Amino acid sequence: MLKTVTFTLMHFCIAFAVTYALTGSIAASGLVAAIEPLCNSVGFYFHEKIWQRLEGGAMLGNARPKHAWLHHQA
């Protein structure tokens, strides 16, 4: 969850800066910076959850993923 919060804060700053650079409007920048990152953060959260399920479903039992450094049981 901390990853999502820090991502949101970073995204807020970027969205504000880009919108201000394009419009010169603090009001428009604030609105875009408040709405757009929050929408993306919700999408990011569910994106992470879906990938966790997909990655977890690919590993049945105690099998190691193909990208693991060690391919043998210790």
N, C-alpha and C. Protein backbone atom coordinates (compact mmCIF):
# COMPACT_ATOMS: atom_id res chain seq x y z
N MET A 1 0.82 -1.19 0.00
CA MET A 1 0.00 0.00 0.00
C MET A 1 0.87 1.27 0.00
N LEU A 2 2.01 1.21 0.69
CA LEU A 2 2.92 2.36 0.72
C LEU A 2 3.41 2.70 -0.68
N LYS A 3 3.66 1.66 -1.47
CA LYS A 3 4.09 1.87 -2.86
C LYS A 3 3.03 2.66 -3.62
N THR A 4 1.77 2.35 -3.41
CA THR A 4 0.67 3.04 -4.08
C THR A 4 0.60 4.50 -3.64
N VAL A 5 0.79 4.76 -2.36
CA VAL A 5 0.73 6.13 -1.84
C VAL A 5 1.87 6.98 -2.39
N THR A 6 3.10 6.45 -2.37
CA THR A 6 4.23 7.22 -2.88
C THR A 6 4.11 7.43 -4.39
N PHE A 7 3.58 6.44 -5.09
CA PHE A 7 3.35 6.58 -6.53
C PHE A 7 2.33 7.70 -6.77
N THR A 8 1.30 7.76 -5.95
CA THR A 8 0.27 8.80 -6.10
C THR A 8 0.86 10.19 -5.89
N LEU A 9 1.68 10.35 -4.87
CA LEU A 9 2.30 11.65 -4.60
C LEU A 9 3.21 12.08 -5.75
N MET A 10 4.01 11.15 -6.25
CA MET A 10 4.88 11.47 -7.38
C MET A 10 4.06 11.84 -8.60
N HIS A 11 3.02 11.08 -8.85
CA HIS A 11 2.16 11.31 -10.01
C HIS A 11 1.45 12.66 -9.89
N PHE A 12 1.02 13.01 -8.70
CA PHE A 12 0.38 14.31 -8.47
C PHE A 12 1.31 15.45 -8.87
N CYS A 13 2.55 15.38 -8.43
CA CYS A 13 3.53 16.43 -8.74
C CYS A 13 3.79 16.52 -10.24
N ILE A 14 3.94 15.39 -10.88
CA ILE A 14 4.19 15.38 -12.33
C ILE A 14 2.99 15.92 -13.08
N ALA A 15 1.80 15.47 -12.71
CA ALA A 15 0.58 15.93 -13.39
C ALA A 15 0.42 17.44 -13.24
N PHE A 16 0.68 17.96 -12.04
CA PHE A 16 0.56 19.39 -11.81
C PHE A 16 1.56 20.16 -12.67
N ALA A 17 2.81 19.73 -12.67
CA ALA A 17 3.86 20.42 -13.41
C ALA A 17 3.60 20.42 -14.91
N VAL A 18 3.20 19.28 -15.45
CA VAL A 18 2.94 19.18 -16.89
C VAL A 18 1.75 20.04 -17.27
N THR A 19 0.68 19.97 -16.50
CA THR A 19 -0.52 20.75 -16.82
C THR A 19 -0.24 22.24 -16.69
N TYR A 20 0.52 22.62 -15.68
CA TYR A 20 0.86 24.04 -15.52
C TYR A 20 1.73 24.52 -16.69
N ALA A 21 2.67 23.68 -17.11
CA ALA A 21 3.53 24.05 -18.24
C ALA A 21 2.72 24.23 -19.52
N LEU A 22 1.68 23.41 -19.67
CA LEU A 22 0.85 23.49 -20.88
C LEU A 22 -0.19 24.60 -20.83
N THR A 23 -0.74 24.87 -19.65
CA THR A 23 -1.86 25.82 -19.56
C THR A 23 -1.51 27.13 -18.88
N GLY A 24 -0.55 27.10 -17.97
CA GLY A 24 -0.23 28.29 -17.17
C GLY A 24 -1.27 28.58 -16.11
N SER A 25 -2.21 27.65 -15.94
CA SER A 25 -3.30 27.84 -14.99
C SER A 25 -3.10 26.98 -13.75
N ILE A 26 -3.04 27.64 -12.59
CA ILE A 26 -2.91 26.89 -11.33
C ILE A 26 -4.20 26.11 -11.06
N ALA A 27 -5.35 26.72 -11.37
CA ALA A 27 -6.63 26.04 -11.12
C ALA A 27 -6.75 24.76 -11.96
N ALA A 28 -6.47 24.87 -13.24
CA ALA A 28 -6.55 23.69 -14.11
C ALA A 28 -5.52 22.65 -13.70
N SER A 29 -4.33 23.11 -13.34
CA SER A 29 -3.28 22.18 -12.91
C SER A 29 -3.69 21.43 -11.65
N GLY A 30 -4.28 22.17 -10.72
CA GLY A 30 -4.74 21.53 -9.48
C GLY A 30 -5.82 20.50 -9.72
N LEU A 31 -6.76 20.83 -10.59
CA LEU A 31 -7.84 19.88 -10.90
C LEU A 31 -7.31 18.62 -11.58
N VAL A 32 -6.49 18.82 -12.59
CA VAL A 32 -5.92 17.67 -13.29
C VAL A 32 -5.04 16.85 -12.35
N ALA A 33 -4.22 17.54 -11.57
CA ALA A 33 -3.32 16.85 -10.65
C ALA A 33 -4.06 16.09 -9.57
N ALA A 34 -5.24 16.55 -9.19
CA ALA A 34 -6.02 15.86 -8.16
C ALA A 34 -6.78 14.66 -8.72
N ILE A 35 -7.30 14.80 -9.91
CA ILE A 35 -8.18 13.77 -10.46
C ILE A 35 -7.41 12.67 -11.20
N GLU A 36 -6.53 13.05 -12.09
CA GLU A 36 -5.86 12.07 -12.95
C GLU A 36 -4.99 11.08 -12.18
N PRO A 37 -4.12 11.51 -11.26
CA PRO A 37 -3.32 10.53 -10.51
C PRO A 37 -4.15 9.61 -9.62
N LEU A 38 -5.22 10.13 -9.07
CA LEU A 38 -6.06 9.26 -8.24
C LEU A 38 -6.71 8.16 -9.07
N CYS A 39 -7.17 8.51 -10.26
CA CYS A 39 -7.73 7.50 -11.16
C CYS A 39 -6.67 6.48 -11.55
N ASN A 40 -5.48 6.96 -11.88
CA ASN A 40 -4.40 6.06 -12.24
C ASN A 40 -3.95 5.20 -11.07
N SER A 41 -3.96 5.74 -9.87
CA SER A 41 -3.55 4.97 -8.70
C SER A 41 -4.52 3.83 -8.41
N VAL A 42 -5.79 4.08 -8.58
CA VAL A 42 -6.77 3.00 -8.41
C VAL A 42 -6.52 1.93 -9.47
N GLY A 43 -6.30 2.37 -10.71
CA GLY A 43 -6.00 1.41 -11.77
C GLY A 43 -4.71 0.66 -11.48
N PHE A 44 -3.69 1.35 -10.98
CA PHE A 44 -2.41 0.73 -10.65
C PHE A 44 -2.58 -0.33 -9.55
N TYR A 45 -3.36 -0.02 -8.54
CA TYR A 45 -3.60 -0.96 -7.43
C TYR A 45 -4.20 -2.26 -7.96
N PHE A 46 -5.23 -2.15 -8.78
CA PHE A 46 -5.86 -3.36 -9.32
C PHE A 46 -4.96 -4.06 -10.33
N HIS A 47 -4.18 -3.31 -11.07
CA HIS A 47 -3.20 -3.89 -11.99
C HIS A 47 -2.20 -4.76 -11.23
N GLU A 48 -1.70 -4.26 -10.09
CA GLU A 48 -0.78 -5.02 -9.25
C GLU A 48 -1.45 -6.29 -8.71
N LYS A 49 -2.69 -6.16 -8.25
CA LYS A 49 -3.41 -7.32 -7.72
C LYS A 49 -3.60 -8.39 -8.79
N ILE A 50 -3.95 -7.97 -9.99
CA ILE A 50 -4.14 -8.93 -11.09
C ILE A 50 -2.82 -9.63 -11.40
N TRP A 51 -1.73 -8.87 -11.47
CA TRP A 51 -0.44 -9.49 -11.76
C TRP A 51 0.00 -10.42 -10.64
N GLN A 52 -0.29 -10.09 -9.40
CA GLN A 52 0.05 -10.98 -8.29
C GLN A 52 -0.69 -12.30 -8.44
N ARG A 53 -1.95 -12.25 -8.83
CA ARG A 53 -2.72 -13.47 -9.05
C ARG A 53 -2.18 -14.27 -10.21
N LEU A 54 -1.86 -13.58 -11.31
CA LEU A 54 -1.33 -14.28 -12.48
C LEU A 54 0.01 -14.94 -12.17
N GLU A 55 0.88 -14.23 -11.48
CA GLU A 55 2.17 -14.79 -11.12
C GLU A 55 2.03 -15.90 -10.10
N GLY A 56 1.12 -15.75 -9.16
CA GLY A 56 0.88 -16.79 -8.16
C GLY A 56 0.25 -18.03 -8.77
N GLY A 57 -0.62 -17.86 -9.74
CA GLY A 57 -1.27 -18.99 -10.40
C GLY A 57 -0.32 -19.77 -11.28
N ALA A 58 0.74 -19.11 -11.75
CA ALA A 58 1.71 -19.78 -12.61
C ALA A 58 2.60 -20.72 -11.81
N MET A 59 2.68 -20.48 -10.50
CA MET A 59 3.52 -21.32 -9.65
C MET A 59 2.63 -22.27 -8.86
N LEU A 60 2.59 -23.50 -9.27
CA LEU A 60 1.80 -24.51 -8.57
C LEU A 60 2.69 -25.25 -7.59
N GLY A 61 2.19 -25.49 -6.40
CA GLY A 61 2.97 -26.19 -5.39
C GLY A 61 4.19 -25.40 -4.99
N ASN A 62 5.34 -26.08 -4.90
CA ASN A 62 6.59 -25.42 -4.54
C ASN A 62 7.47 -25.17 -5.75
N ALA A 63 6.91 -25.20 -6.93
CA ALA A 63 7.70 -25.00 -8.13
C ALA A 63 8.28 -23.59 -8.15
N ARG A 64 9.50 -23.48 -8.63
CA ARG A 64 10.14 -22.17 -8.75
C ARG A 64 9.85 -21.62 -10.13
N PRO A 65 9.74 -20.31 -10.24
CA PRO A 65 9.52 -19.73 -11.57
C PRO A 65 10.74 -19.94 -12.45
N LYS A 66 10.54 -19.94 -13.75
CA LYS A 66 11.62 -20.18 -14.70
C LYS A 66 12.72 -19.14 -14.59
N HIS A 67 12.39 -17.95 -14.12
CA HIS A 67 13.39 -16.88 -14.03
C HIS A 67 14.17 -16.91 -12.72
N ALA A 68 13.90 -17.88 -11.84
CA ALA A 68 14.59 -17.94 -10.55
C ALA A 68 16.06 -18.27 -10.75
N TRP A 69 16.90 -17.74 -9.87
CA TRP A 69 18.35 -17.97 -9.98
C TRP A 69 18.68 -19.44 -9.77
N LEU A 70 18.08 -20.05 -8.78
CA LEU A 70 18.38 -21.45 -8.48
C LEU A 70 17.24 -22.34 -8.95
N HIS A 71 17.56 -23.33 -9.74
CA HIS A 71 16.53 -24.21 -10.28
C HIS A 71 16.47 -25.54 -9.54
N HIS A 72 17.21 -25.69 -8.47
CA HIS A 72 17.16 -26.95 -7.71
C HIS A 72 16.74 -26.68 -6.27
N GLN A 73 16.18 -27.69 -5.64
CA GLN A 73 15.77 -27.58 -4.24
C GLN A 73 16.99 -27.72 -3.35
N ALA A 74 17.11 -26.89 -2.32
CA ALA A 74 18.27 -26.96 -1.42
C ALA A 74 18.04 -28.00 -0.37
